[in-house]
C-alpha atoms as a PDB file:
ATOM      1  CA  MET A   1       0.165  -0.288  -0.035  1.00  0.00           C
ATOM      2  CA  GLU A   2       3.457   2.385   1.036  1.00  0.00           C
ATOM      3  CA  GLU A   3       4.380   1.747  -2.360  1.00  0.00           C
ATOM      4  CA  ASN A   4       1.194   2.656  -4.267  1.00  0.00           C
ATOM      5  CA  ILE A   5       0.996   5.757  -2.347  1.00  0.00           C
ATOM      6  CA  ARG A   6       4.463   6.827  -3.613  1.00  0.00           C
ATOM      7  CA  LYS A   7       4.174   5.374  -6.781  1.00  0.00           C
ATOM      8  CA  LEU A   8       1.029   7.663  -7.298  1.00  0.00           C
ATOM      9  CA  MET A   9       3.121  10.594  -5.652  1.00  0.00           C
ATOM     10  CA  GLY A  10       6.315  10.074  -8.080  1.00  0.00           C
ATOM     11  CA  LEU A  11       3.608  10.051 -11.012  1.00  0.00           C
ATOM     12  CA  LEU A  12       1.722  13.132 -10.601  1.00  0.00           C
ATOM     13  CA  LYS A  13       3.606  15.680  -8.456  1.00  0.00           C
ATOM     14  CA  PRO A  14       6.097  16.592 -11.294  1.00  0.00           C
ATOM     15  CA  MET A  15       2.830  17.257 -13.539  1.00  0.00           C
ATOM     16  CA  LYS A  16       2.048  19.993 -10.985  1.00  0.00           C
ATOM     17  CA  VAL A  17      -1.433  19.231 -10.648  1.00  0.00           C
ATOM     18  CA  ASN A  18      -3.383  18.860  -7.001  1.00  0.00           C
ATOM     19  CA  ILE A  19      -4.094  15.161  -6.045  1.00  0.00           C
ATOM     20  CA  ARG A  20      -6.904  15.190  -3.508  1.00  0.00           C
ATOM     21  CA  PRO A  21      -7.746  11.356  -3.497  1.00  0.00           C
ATOM     22  CA  HIS A  22     -11.665  10.139  -3.166  1.00  0.00           C
ATOM     23  CA  LEU A  23     -12.295   8.516  -0.257  1.00  0.00           C
ATOM     24  CA  LYS A  24     -15.201   6.693  -1.184  1.00  0.00           C
ATOM     25  CA  THR A  25     -12.442   4.007  -1.699  1.00  0.00           C
ATOM     26  CA  THR A  26     -10.635   3.948   2.000  1.00  0.00           C
ATOM     27  CA  LYS A  27     -13.423   5.261   3.795  1.00  0.00           C
ATOM     28  CA  SER A  28     -10.788   6.193   6.725  1.00  0.00           C
ATOM     29  CA  PRO A  29      -9.888   9.364   8.258  1.00  0.00           C
ATOM     30  CA  ILE A  30      -7.010   8.021   8.931  1.00  0.00           C
ATOM     31  CA  LEU A  31      -6.071   6.590   5.728  1.00  0.00           C
ATOM     32  CA  ALA A  32      -6.480  10.461   4.577  1.00  0.00           C
ATOM     33  CA  GLN A  33      -4.346  11.698   6.645  1.00  0.00           C
ATOM     34  CA  LYS A  34      -1.677   9.266   5.275  1.00  0.00           C
ATOM     35  CA  LEU A  35      -2.059  10.434   1.668  1.00  0.00           C
ATOM     36  CA  VAL A  36      -1.996  14.435   2.683  1.00  0.00           C
ATOM     37  CA  ASP A  37       1.502  13.138   4.745  1.00  0.00           C
ATOM     38  CA  ALA A  38       1.862  11.675   1.662  1.00  0.00           C
ATOM     39  CA  GLY A  39       1.798  14.986  -0.810  1.00  0.00           C
ATOM     40  CA  ALA A  40      -1.964  14.676  -1.575  1.00  0.00           C
ATOM     41  CA  THR A  41      -4.664  17.870  -1.427  1.00  0.00           C
ATOM     42  CA  GLY A  42      -7.592  17.196   1.159  1.00  0.00           C
ATOM     43  CA  GLY A  43      -9.949  14.624  -0.192  1.00  0.00           C
ATOM     44  CA  CYS A  44     -12.836  13.852  -1.860  1.00  0.00           C
ATOM     45  CA  VAL A  45     -16.228  12.120  -1.120  1.00  0.00           C
ATOM     46  CA  ALA A  46     -19.188  10.598  -2.379  1.00  0.00           C
ATOM     47  CA  LYS A  47     -21.726  11.390   0.516  1.00  0.00           C
ATOM     48  CA  LEU A  48     -22.539  14.320   2.632  1.00  0.00           C
ATOM     49  CA  SER A  49     -22.508  11.474   5.597  1.00  0.00           C
ATOM     50  CA  GLU A  50     -18.523  10.489   4.296  1.00  0.00           C
ATOM     51  CA  ALA A  51     -17.441  13.586   5.136  1.00  0.00           C
ATOM     52  CA  GLU A  52     -19.862  13.987   8.505  1.00  0.00           C
ATOM     53  CA  VAL A  53     -17.753  11.584  10.074  1.00  0.00           C
ATOM     54  CA  MET A  54     -14.336  12.861   7.984  1.00  0.00           C
ATOM     55  CA  ALA A  55     -15.071  16.039   9.588  1.00  0.00           C
ATOM     56  CA  GLU A  56     -15.365  14.702  13.530  1.00  0.00           C
ATOM     57  CA  ALA A  57     -12.705  12.900  12.700  1.00  0.00           C
ATOM     58  CA  GLY A  58     -10.497  16.028  11.903  1.00  0.00           C
ATOM     59  CA  PHE A  59      -9.927  15.859   7.980  1.00  0.00           C
ATOM     60  CA  ASP A  60     -12.278  18.776   6.790  1.00  0.00           C
ATOM     61  CA  ASP A  61     -10.870  19.546   4.192  1.00  0.00           C
ATOM     62  CA  LEU A  62     -13.022  17.708   1.607  1.00  0.00           C
ATOM     63  CA  LEU A  63     -15.068  18.044  -2.469  1.00  0.00           C
ATOM     64  CA  ILE A  64     -18.683  16.451  -1.836  1.00  0.00           C
ATOM     65  CA  THR A  65     -18.681  14.663  -5.888  1.00  0.00           C
ATOM     66  CA  CYS A  66     -22.878  13.645  -5.594  1.00  0.00           C
ATOM     67  CA  GLU A  67     -25.028  16.539  -5.980  1.00  0.00           C
ATOM     68  CA  ILE A  68     -26.639  16.817  -2.200  1.00  0.00           C
ATOM     69  CA  VAL A  69     -30.255  17.756  -2.937  1.00  0.00           C
ATOM     70  CA  GLY A  70     -33.473  17.279  -0.446  1.00  0.00           C
ATOM     71  CA  PRO A  71     -34.564  19.045   2.908  1.00  0.00           C
ATOM     72  CA  VAL A  72     -33.162  16.376   4.843  1.00  0.00           C
ATOM     73  CA  LYS A  73     -29.486  16.054   3.459  1.00  0.00           C
ATOM     74  CA  LEU A  74     -29.574  20.300   3.256  1.00  0.00           C
ATOM     75  CA  ARG A  75     -30.339  20.550   6.816  1.00  0.00           C
ATOM     76  CA  ARG A  76     -27.296  18.470   7.319  1.00  0.00           C
ATOM     77  CA  LEU A  77     -24.917  20.204   4.752  1.00  0.00           C
ATOM     78  CA  VAL A  78     -25.922  23.274   6.892  1.00  0.00           C
ATOM     79  CA  GLU A  79     -25.055  22.016   9.881  1.00  0.00           C
ATOM     80  CA  LEU A  80     -21.828  20.056   8.584  1.00  0.00           C
ATOM     81  CA  PHE A  81     -20.983  23.671   6.740  1.00  0.00           C
ATOM     82  CA  ARG A  82     -21.591  25.809  10.277  1.00  0.00           C
ATOM     83  CA  ASN A  83     -18.304  23.865  11.710  1.00  0.00           C
ATOM     84  CA  HIS A  84     -16.540  23.142   8.738  1.00  0.00           C
ATOM     85  CA  ARG A  85     -15.653  25.672   6.250  1.00  0.00           C
ATOM     86  CA  LYS A  86     -13.167  24.353   3.903  1.00  0.00           C
ATOM     87  CA  ILE A  87     -16.006  21.779   2.969  1.00  0.00           C
ATOM     88  CA  GLN A  88     -16.762  21.816  -0.718  1.00  0.00           C
ATOM     89  CA  ILE A  89     -20.150  20.992  -2.933  1.00  0.00           C
ATOM     90  CA  VAL A  90     -20.993  20.357  -6.705  1.00  0.00           C
ATOM     91  CA  VAL A  91     -24.105  21.136  -8.632  1.00  0.00           C
ATOM     92  CA  ASP A  92     -25.823  20.206 -11.654  1.00  0.00           C
ATOM     93  CA  SER A  93     -29.367  22.190 -11.408  1.00  0.00           C
ATOM     94  CA  GLU A  94     -30.335  25.608 -11.066  1.00  0.00           C
ATOM     95  CA  LEU A  95     -32.933  23.999  -8.768  1.00  0.00           C
ATOM     96  CA  GLY A  96     -30.615  22.217  -6.615  1.00  0.00           C
ATOM     97  CA  ALA A  97     -28.353  25.850  -6.303  1.00  0.00           C
ATOM     98  CA  VAL A  98     -31.370  27.716  -5.357  1.00  0.00           C
ATOM     99  CA  ALA A  99     -32.243  25.450  -2.491  1.00  0.00           C
ATOM    100  CA  VAL A 100     -28.765  25.324  -1.049  1.00  0.00           C
ATOM    101  CA  ASN A 101     -28.427  28.659  -1.024  1.00  0.00           C
ATOM    102  CA  GLU A 102     -32.298  28.660   0.548  1.00  0.00           C
ATOM    103  CA  ALA A 103     -31.260  26.304   3.491  1.00  0.00           C
ATOM    104  CA  LEU A 104     -27.853  28.002   3.832  1.00  0.00           C
ATOM    105  CA  SER A 105     -29.060  31.550   3.719  1.00  0.00           C
ATOM    106  CA  SER A 106     -31.944  31.151   6.243  1.00  0.00           C
ATOM    107  CA  SER A 107     -29.860  29.281   8.490  1.00  0.00           C
ATOM    108  CA  GLY A 108     -27.772  32.717   9.992  1.00  0.00           C
ATOM    109  CA  ILE A 109     -24.336  31.423   8.354  1.00  0.00           C
ATOM    110  CA  GLU A 110     -23.199  34.511   6.952  1.00  0.00           C
ATOM    111  CA  GLN A 111     -19.896  33.069   4.651  1.00  0.00           C
ATOM    112  CA  PRO A 112     -21.437  31.218   1.690  1.00  0.00           C
ATOM    113  CA  ILE A 113     -20.349  27.970   0.119  1.00  0.00           C
ATOM    114  CA  GLN A 114     -17.698  26.851  -2.255  1.00  0.00           C
ATOM    115  CA  VAL A 115     -19.426  25.328  -5.233  1.00  0.00           C
ATOM    116  CA  LEU A 116     -18.132  23.446  -8.538  1.00  0.00           C
ATOM    117  CA  ILE A 117     -20.415  23.126 -11.645  1.00  0.00           C
ATOM    118  CA  ASP A 118     -20.643  18.971 -12.178  1.00  0.00           C
ATOM    119  CA  LEU A 119     -20.506  18.757 -16.001  1.00  0.00           C
ATOM    120  CA  ASP A 120     -21.308  15.282 -17.860  1.00  0.00           C
ATOM    121  CA  VAL A 121     -18.247  14.868 -20.001  1.00  0.00           C
ATOM    122  CA  GLY A 122     -19.640  11.752 -21.298  1.00  0.00           C
ATOM    123  CA  LEU A 123     -20.406   9.120 -18.462  1.00  0.00           C
ATOM    124  CA  HIS A 124     -24.272  10.541 -18.803  1.00  0.00           C
ATOM    125  CA  ARG A 125     -24.632   9.781 -14.661  1.00  0.00           C
ATOM    126  CA  THR A 126     -24.959  13.165 -13.241  1.00  0.00           C
ATOM    127  CA  GLY A 127     -23.818  16.939 -14.588  1.00  0.00           C
ATOM    128  CA  VAL A 128     -24.877  19.754 -16.516  1.00  0.00           C
ATOM    129  CA  ALA A 129     -24.545  19.630 -20.813  1.00  0.00           C
ATOM    130  CA  PRO A 130     -21.640  21.864 -21.427  1.00  0.00           C
ATOM    131  CA  GLU A 131     -23.782  24.257 -23.881  1.00  0.00           C
ATOM    132  CA  SER A 132     -26.046  24.641 -20.471  1.00  0.00           C
ATOM    133  CA  ALA A 133     -22.863  24.805 -17.999  1.00  0.00           C
ATOM    134  CA  LEU A 134     -22.975  29.218 -18.430  1.00  0.00           C
ATOM    135  CA  ALA A 135     -26.517  29.590 -17.774  1.00  0.00           C
ATOM    136  CA  LEU A 136     -26.028  27.495 -14.718  1.00  0.00           C
ATOM    137  CA  ALA A 137     -22.622  29.464 -13.718  1.00  0.00           C
ATOM    138  CA  GLN A 138     -24.336  32.755 -14.240  1.00  0.00           C
ATOM    139  CA  GLN A 139     -27.479  31.608 -12.051  1.00  0.00           C
ATOM    140  CA  ILE A 140     -24.812  30.951  -9.525  1.00  0.00           C
ATOM    141  CA  THR A 141     -23.463  34.392  -9.254  1.00  0.00           C
ATOM    142  CA  LEU A 142     -27.170  35.451  -8.052  1.00  0.00           C
ATOM    143  CA  LEU A 143     -27.273  33.682  -5.587  1.00  0.00           C
ATOM    144  CA  SER A 144     -25.393  35.236  -2.089  1.00  0.00           C
ATOM    145  CA  HIS A 145     -24.432  32.428   0.034  1.00  0.00           C
ATOM    146  CA  LEU A 146     -22.877  29.963  -3.077  1.00  0.00           C
ATOM    147  CA  ARG A 147     -19.343  31.273  -4.594  1.00  0.00           C
ATOM    148  CA  LEU A 148     -18.612  29.269  -7.759  1.00  0.00           C
ATOM    149  CA  ILE A 149     -14.761  28.263  -8.238  1.00  0.00           C
ATOM    150  CA  GLY A 150     -14.487  25.655 -10.357  1.00  0.00           C
ATOM    151  CA  VAL A 151     -15.709  22.526 -12.706  1.00  0.00           C
ATOM    152  CA  GLN A 152     -16.056  19.349 -12.331  1.00  0.00           C
ATOM    153  CA  GLY A 153     -15.557  16.438 -14.980  1.00  0.00           C
ATOM    154  CA  TYR A 154     -15.789  12.716 -14.026  1.00  0.00           C
ATOM    155  CA  GLU A 155     -15.039  10.341 -17.130  1.00  0.00           C
ATOM    156  CA  GLY A 156     -15.598   7.352 -14.670  1.00  0.00           C
ATOM    157  CA  HIS A 157     -17.239   5.632 -18.062  1.00  0.00           C
ATOM    158  CA  LEU A 158     -13.375   5.472 -19.154  1.00  0.00           C
ATOM    159  CA  GLN A 159     -11.290   3.565 -16.080  1.00  0.00           C
ATOM    160  CA  HIS A 160     -11.580   0.838 -17.125  1.00  0.00           C
ATOM    161  CA  VAL A 161     -10.640   0.650 -20.792  1.00  0.00           C
ATOM    162  CA  HIS A 162      -8.726  -2.094 -21.658  1.00  0.00           C
ATOM    163  CA  GLY A 163      -5.517  -0.883 -23.685  1.00  0.00           C
ATOM    164  CA  ARG A 164      -3.534   2.277 -23.147  1.00  0.00           C
ATOM    165  CA  GLU A 165      -3.953   4.329 -26.116  1.00  0.00           C
ATOM    166  CA  THR A 166      -7.566   3.547 -26.439  1.00  0.00           C
ATOM    167  CA  ARG A 167      -8.716   4.657 -22.956  1.00  0.00           C
ATOM    168  CA  GLU A 168      -5.897   8.307 -23.194  1.00  0.00           C
ATOM    169  CA  ALA A 169      -7.794   8.820 -26.759  1.00  0.00           C
ATOM    170  CA  GLN A 170     -11.111   8.664 -25.140  1.00  0.00           C
ATOM    171  CA  CYS A 171      -9.912  10.178 -22.446  1.00  0.00           C
ATOM    172  CA  ARG A 172      -8.570  13.210 -24.059  1.00  0.00           C
ATOM    173  CA  ASP A 173     -11.838  13.660 -25.614  1.00  0.00           C
ATOM    174  CA  SER A 174     -13.536  13.981 -22.422  1.00  0.00           C
ATOM    175  CA  MET A 175     -10.442  16.511 -21.235  1.00  0.00           C
ATOM    176  CA  ALA A 176     -11.362  18.675 -24.079  1.00  0.00           C
ATOM    177  CA  ILE A 177     -14.999  19.176 -22.893  1.00  0.00           C
ATOM    178  CA  LEU A 178     -13.554  19.651 -19.354  1.00  0.00           C
ATOM    179  CA  THR A 179     -11.055  22.615 -20.375  1.00  0.00           C
ATOM    180  CA  THR A 180     -13.046  24.327 -22.709  1.00  0.00           C
ATOM    181  CA  THR A 181     -16.491  24.565 -20.940  1.00  0.00           C
ATOM    182  CA  ALA A 182     -13.504  26.190 -17.564  1.00  0.00           C
ATOM    183  CA  SER A 183     -12.356  28.478 -20.402  1.00  0.00           C
ATOM    184  CA  MET A 184     -15.050  29.645 -21.548  1.00  0.00           C
ATOM    185  CA  LEU A 185     -16.858  30.287 -18.137  1.00  0.00           C
ATOM    186  CA  ARG A 186     -13.651  32.354 -18.041  1.00  0.00           C
ATOM    187  CA  GLN A 187     -14.170  34.672 -20.875  1.00  0.00           C
ATOM    188  CA  ASN A 188     -17.459  35.170 -19.535  1.00  0.00           C
ATOM    189  CA  GLY A 189     -15.669  36.438 -16.142  1.00  0.00           C
ATOM    190  CA  PHE A 190     -15.807  33.766 -13.767  1.00  0.00           C
ATOM    191  CA  ASP A 191     -13.521  33.192 -11.590  1.00  0.00           C
ATOM    192  CA  ILE A 192     -12.970  29.445 -12.913  1.00  0.00           C
ATOM    193  CA  GLN A 193      -9.860  28.374 -10.449  1.00  0.00           C
ATOM    194  CA  VAL A 194     -10.717  24.516 -10.050  1.00  0.00           C
ATOM    195  CA  VAL A 195     -10.923  21.979 -12.689  1.00  0.00           C
ATOM    196  CA  THR A 196     -11.244  18.666 -11.453  1.00  0.00           C
ATOM    197  CA  THR A 197     -11.875  15.452 -12.889  1.00  0.00           C
ATOM    198  CA  GLY A 198      -9.816  11.519 -13.293  1.00  0.00           C
ATOM    199  CA  GLY A 199      -9.880   8.297 -11.574  1.00  0.00           C
ATOM    200  CA  THR A 200      -7.771   5.609 -11.275  1.00  0.00           C
ATOM    201  CA  GLY A 201      -7.553   4.481 -14.554  1.00  0.00           C
ATOM    202  CA  THR A 202      -6.620   7.775 -16.121  1.00  0.00           C
ATOM    203  CA  ALA A 203      -5.054  10.187 -13.695  1.00  0.00           C
ATOM    204  CA  GLU A 204      -1.911  10.338 -15.299  1.00  0.00           C
ATOM    205  CA  PHE A 205      -3.531  11.478 -18.487  1.00  0.00           C
ATOM    206  CA  CYS A 206      -5.754  13.719 -16.893  1.00  0.00           C
ATOM    207  CA  ALA A 207      -2.939  15.613 -15.166  1.00  0.00           C
ATOM    208  CA  THR A 208      -0.934  15.792 -18.159  1.00  0.00           C
ATOM    209  CA  THR A 209      -3.731  17.868 -20.191  1.00  0.00           C
ATOM    210  CA  PRO A 210      -3.802  21.526 -19.719  1.00  0.00           C
ATOM    211  CA  GLY A 211      -5.911  23.590 -18.031  1.00  0.00           C
ATOM    212  CA  ILE A 212      -6.869  20.445 -15.355  1.00  0.00           C
ATOM    213  CA  THR A 213      -5.775  21.222 -12.183  1.00  0.00           C
ATOM    214  CA  GLU A 214      -6.889  18.773 -10.140  1.00  0.00           C
ATOM    215  CA  VAL A 215      -7.138  14.802  -9.818  1.00  0.00           C
ATOM    216  CA  GLN A 216      -9.673  12.018  -7.475  1.00  0.00           C
ATOM    217  CA  PRO A 217      -7.733   9.166  -8.007  1.00  0.00           C
ATOM    218  CA  GLY A 218      -8.537   6.377  -5.007  1.00  0.00           C
ATOM    219  CA  SER A 219      -8.464   3.005  -6.613  1.00  0.00           C
ATOM    220  CA  PHE A 220      -4.614   2.907  -6.431  1.00  0.00           C
ATOM    221  CA  ILE A 221      -4.377   2.759  -3.288  1.00  0.00           C
ATOM    222  CA  PHE A 222      -5.739  -1.130  -2.696  1.00  0.00           C
ATOM    223  CA  MET A 223      -6.312  -1.934  -6.780  1.00  0.00           C
ATOM    224  CA  ASP A 224      -8.290  -4.584  -7.554  1.00  0.00           C
ATOM    225  CA  SER A 225      -8.851  -7.579 -10.007  1.00  0.00           C
ATOM    226  CA  ASP A 226     -11.087  -5.629 -13.081  1.00  0.00           C
ATOM    227  CA  TYR A 227      -8.299  -2.164 -12.805  1.00  0.00           C
ATOM    228  CA  TYR A 228      -5.719  -4.752 -12.434  1.00  0.00           C
ATOM    229  CA  ASN A 229      -6.845  -6.250 -15.879  1.00  0.00           C
ATOM    230  CA  ALA A 230      -7.662  -3.303 -17.167  1.00  0.00           C
ATOM    231  CA  VAL A 231      -4.680  -0.702 -16.485  1.00  0.00           C
ATOM    232  CA  GLY A 232      -1.425  -3.099 -15.880  1.00  0.00           C
ATOM    233  CA  GLY A 233       0.276  -3.734 -12.981  1.00  0.00           C
ATOM    234  CA  PHE A 234       1.862  -0.148 -12.168  1.00  0.00           C
ATOM    235  CA  PHE A 235       0.294  -0.150  -9.254  1.00  0.00           C
ATOM    236  CA  SER A 236       0.138  -3.400  -6.978  1.00  0.00           C
ATOM    237  CA  GLN A 237      -2.487  -5.302  -5.748  1.00  0.00           C
ATOM    238  CA  SER A 238      -2.763  -4.718  -1.636  1.00  0.00           C
ATOM    239  CA  LEU A 239      -5.614  -5.376  -0.211  1.00  0.00           C
ATOM    240  CA  THR A 240      -7.325  -9.502  -0.016  1.00  0.00           C
ATOM    241  CA  ILE A 241     -10.153 -11.176   2.214  1.00  0.00           C
ATOM    242  CA  LEU A 242      -8.230 -13.914   4.226  1.00  0.00           C
ATOM    243  CA  SER A 243     -11.321 -16.940   4.155  1.00  0.00           C
ATOM    244  CA  THR A 244     -10.898 -20.305   5.640  1.00  0.00           C
ATOM    245  CA  VAL A 245     -11.430 -23.308   3.676  1.00  0.00           C
ATOM    246  CA  ILE A 246     -14.409 -24.561   5.852  1.00  0.00           C
ATOM    247  CA  SER A 247     -15.591 -27.677   3.351  1.00  0.00           C
ATOM    248  CA  LYS A 248     -14.548 -30.035   1.170  1.00  0.00           C
ATOM    249  CA  SER A 249     -18.023 -32.271   0.686  1.00  0.00           C
ATOM    250  CA  GLY A 250     -19.000 -32.804  -3.126  1.00  0.00           C
ATOM    251  CA  SER A 251     -15.630 -33.151  -5.637  1.00  0.00           C
ATOM    252  CA  GLU A 252     -11.994 -33.937  -5.144  1.00  0.00           C
ATOM    253  CA  HIS A 253     -11.334 -30.681  -6.973  1.00  0.00           C
ATOM    254  CA  ARG A 254     -13.439 -28.427  -5.128  1.00  0.00           C
ATOM    255  CA  VAL A 255     -13.382 -26.762  -1.371  1.00  0.00           C
ATOM    256  CA  THR A 256     -15.671 -24.311  -0.104  1.00  0.00           C
ATOM    257  CA  ILE A 257     -14.502 -20.855   1.585  1.00  0.00           C
ATOM    258  CA  ASP A 258     -16.104 -19.229   4.278  1.00  0.00           C
ATOM    259  CA  ALA A 259     -16.341 -15.911   1.945  1.00  0.00           C
ATOM    260  CA  GLY A 260     -19.856 -15.344  -0.083  1.00  0.00           C
ATOM    261  CA  LEU A 261     -21.494 -12.391  -1.559  1.00  0.00           C
ATOM    262  CA  LYS A 262     -21.606 -10.305   2.257  1.00  0.00           C
ATOM    263  CA  SER A 263     -17.625 -10.598   1.706  1.00  0.00           C
ATOM    264  CA  LEU A 264     -17.076 -10.098  -1.679  1.00  0.00           C
ATOM    265  CA  PRO A 265     -19.051  -8.424  -4.602  1.00  0.00           C
ATOM    266  CA  THR A 266     -19.967  -9.121  -7.959  1.00  0.00           C
ATOM    267  CA  ASP A 267     -20.892  -6.301  -9.783  1.00  0.00           C
ATOM    268  CA  SER A 268     -17.381  -6.607 -11.502  1.00  0.00           C
ATOM    269  CA  GLY A 269     -17.019 -10.159 -11.983  1.00  0.00           C
ATOM    270  CA  PHE A 270     -16.034 -12.725  -9.390  1.00  0.00           C
ATOM    271  CA  SER A 271     -12.966 -12.458  -7.118  1.00  0.00           C
ATOM    272  CA  GLU A 272      -9.577 -14.062  -7.829  1.00  0.00           C
ATOM    273  CA  PRO A 273      -7.490 -16.133  -5.267  1.00  0.00           C
ATOM    274  CA  LYS A 274      -4.439 -15.215  -4.394  1.00  0.00           C
ATOM    275  CA  ASN A 275      -1.089 -16.765  -5.777  1.00  0.00           C
ATOM    276  CA  MET A 276      -3.179 -19.903  -6.678  1.00  0.00           C
ATOM    277  CA  PRO A 277      -3.246 -20.048 -10.467  1.00  0.00           C
ATOM    278  CA  GLY A 278      -5.579 -22.599 -12.572  1.00  0.00           C
ATOM    279  CA  VAL A 279      -7.627 -21.974  -9.371  1.00  0.00           C
ATOM    280  CA  THR A 280     -11.311 -19.748  -9.433  1.00  0.00           C
ATOM    281  CA  TYR A 281     -13.829 -18.720  -7.338  1.00  0.00           C
ATOM    282  CA  THR A 282     -17.442 -18.999  -7.527  1.00  0.00           C
ATOM    283  CA  PRO A 283     -19.812 -17.553  -4.986  1.00  0.00           C
ATOM    284  CA  MET A 284     -21.600 -20.039  -3.442  1.00  0.00           C
ATOM    285  CA  GLY A 285     -24.145 -17.740  -1.509  1.00  0.00           C
ATOM    286  CA  ASP A 286     -24.261 -15.002   1.018  1.00  0.00           C
ATOM    287  CA  GLU A 287     -21.948 -17.207   3.410  1.00  0.00           C
ATOM    288  CA  HIS A 288     -19.702 -19.365   0.637  1.00  0.00           C
ATOM    289  CA  GLY A 289     -18.101 -19.552  -1.880  1.00  0.00           C
ATOM    290  CA  TRP A 290     -16.533 -22.657  -3.848  1.00  0.00           C
ATOM    291  CA  LEU A 291     -12.279 -22.903  -5.184  1.00  0.00           C
ATOM    292  CA  SER A 292     -12.487 -25.252  -8.129  1.00  0.00           C
ATOM    293  CA  TRP A 293      -9.688 -26.394 -10.335  1.00  0.00           C
ATOM    294  CA  ASP A 294      -9.155 -28.939 -12.975  1.00  0.00           C
ATOM    295  CA  ASP A 295      -5.437 -30.402 -11.930  1.00  0.00           C
ATOM    296  CA  GLY A 296      -3.120 -28.782  -8.802  1.00  0.00           C
ATOM    297  CA  PRO A 297      -2.502 -29.748  -5.853  1.00  0.00           C
ATOM    298  CA  ASP A 298      -5.231 -30.066  -2.627  1.00  0.00           C
ATOM    299  CA  VAL A 299      -7.043 -27.121  -0.936  1.00  0.00           C
ATOM    300  CA  PRO A 300      -6.882 -29.066   2.683  1.00  0.00           C
ATOM    301  CA  LEU A 301      -9.339 -28.090   5.155  1.00  0.00           C
ATOM    302  CA  GLY A 302      -8.783 -24.721   7.686  1.00  0.00           C
ATOM    303  CA  ALA A 303      -6.147 -23.602   4.840  1.00  0.00           C
ATOM    304  CA  ARG A 304      -6.058 -20.164   4.891  1.00  0.00           C
ATOM    305  CA  VAL A 305      -6.785 -18.285   0.906  1.00  0.00           C
ATOM    306  CA  GLU A 306      -6.415 -15.046   0.548  1.00  0.00           C
ATOM    307  CA  MET A 307      -9.044 -12.834  -1.837  1.00  0.00           C
ATOM    308  CA  ILE A 308      -8.020 -10.464  -4.368  1.00  0.00           C
ATOM    309  CA  PRO A 309     -11.552  -7.993  -4.639  1.00  0.00           C
ATOM    310  CA  SER A 310     -12.847  -7.524  -7.847  1.00  0.00           C
ATOM    311  CA  HIS A 311     -14.487  -4.406  -6.764  1.00  0.00           C
ATOM    312  CA  ILE A 312     -13.001  -2.554  -4.773  1.00  0.00           C
ATOM    313  CA  ASP A 313     -15.022   0.288  -3.065  1.00  0.00           C
ATOM    314  CA  PRO A 314     -17.885  -1.967  -2.612  1.00  0.00           C
ATOM    315  CA  THR A 315     -15.853  -4.650  -1.256  1.00  0.00           C
ATOM    316  CA  ILE A 316     -14.269  -2.136   1.841  1.00  0.00           C
ATOM    317  CA  ASN A 317     -17.776  -0.951   2.597  1.00  0.00           C
ATOM    318  CA  LEU A 318     -18.918  -4.814   3.795  1.00  0.00           C
ATOM    319  CA  HIS A 319     -16.170  -4.851   6.243  1.00  0.00           C
ATOM    320  CA  ASP A 320     -15.007  -3.035   9.798  1.00  0.00           C
ATOM    321  CA  PHE A 321     -11.540  -3.081  10.078  1.00  0.00           C
ATOM    322  CA  TYR A 322      -8.460  -2.738   8.114  1.00  0.00           C
ATOM    323  CA  TYR A 323      -5.371  -5.287   9.265  1.00  0.00           C
ATOM    324  CA  ALA A 324      -2.559  -3.842   8.678  1.00  0.00           C
ATOM    325  CA  HIS A 325       0.485  -5.704   8.381  1.00  0.00           C
ATOM    326  CA  ARG A 326       4.250  -6.255   6.905  1.00  0.00           C
ATOM    327  CA  LYS A 327       6.343  -9.352   6.455  1.00  0.00           C
ATOM    328  CA  GLY A 328       3.978 -11.695   8.639  1.00  0.00           C
ATOM    329  CA  VAL A 329       3.256  -8.839  11.245  1.00  0.00           C
ATOM    330  CA  ILE A 330      -0.274  -7.070  11.825  1.00  0.00           C
ATOM    331  CA  GLU A 331       1.519  -2.907  12.605  1.00  0.00           C
ATOM    332  CA  GLU A 332      -2.008  -1.505  13.364  1.00  0.00           C
ATOM    333  CA  ILE A 333      -6.106  -2.292  12.650  1.00  0.00           C
ATOM    334  CA  TRP A 334      -7.898   1.123  11.387  1.00  0.00           C
ATOM    335  CA  PRO A 335     -11.407   1.214  11.297  1.00  0.00           C
ATOM    336  CA  VAL A 336     -13.333   1.783   7.781  1.00  0.00           C
ATOM    337  CA  ALA A 337     -14.736   5.045   9.467  1.00  0.00           C
ATOM    338  CA  THR A 338     -17.330   5.174   6.535  1.00  0.00           C
ATOM    339  CA  ARG A 339     -19.315   2.373   6.142  1.00  0.00           C
ATOM    340  CA  GLY A 340     -22.093   2.328   5.918  1.00  0.00           C
ATOM    341  CA  LYS A 341     -22.255   6.393   4.700  1.00  0.00           C
ATOM    342  CA  VAL A 342     -24.287   6.689   1.974  1.00  0.00           C
ATOM    343  CA  GLN A 343     -26.515   9.254   2.505  1.00  0.00           C
END
């Protein structure tokens, strides 16, 4: 893990962009601080509830990358911002911006919250269309409790594209949308200081694009089999789920482990046993999974098997603690502090 952090900083720091890692991966203020100590500038979180936990732990230089909509969440945002003025948010609609402004203006807080326009650069999940960004920026300037500081554009649909050249070419197209829109806003008098984007699969391309000021990689710190198979082995797979062989019934070429759907998500394919070539994993319900092979050594009852997750973020959200070990010795135990914080 430490080597992955060093590699990322060594790769991106010379490119003169801020590195704001996405903490929806680690879900840990302890690891957030380790990343800042290594050279990161604050962090990102996906949800308001993640920001609440991070800020309470003393880590509040945060960009919340998902829109905050609805009266319950807006009340929580007001209380978070009341005590943590570094918080930044994104908006992608006039309605959403007005609602945030009304919540803050009725709170007695005078300082405006820093806002980025969320721009759709091809993912089509959230974000205003580029041709509508100017109108939204103009609306934000009319709102006393919002201060527009930048634009965000996440090309999430490109993170796992196989083939470096293909991934880079498609990423450059998305970056052109983002930087062109930022330049257009500046030409119309808006002080666009932050242009933030990127993930583990594209951060180096984003960082070398003129006009990009900040990147948001997250999964690099641990990696998973889906990312690893797509982008290669520059970063190591540094997190595994430790399982146990609990049954050998049914077949001489198959055993059952105690890691099923409650331990290892399957949205990006099945997890992979570490250092067990020819052995495949199949989930067999909530609590169980099969390890199967055609030829090879027998896997004994009670054997401990390390499983490499296929998708790191939802895997971490299923577990309570990290066990940080070096050369077979557990050095530290870190809580997954924002586990379940999806509000």
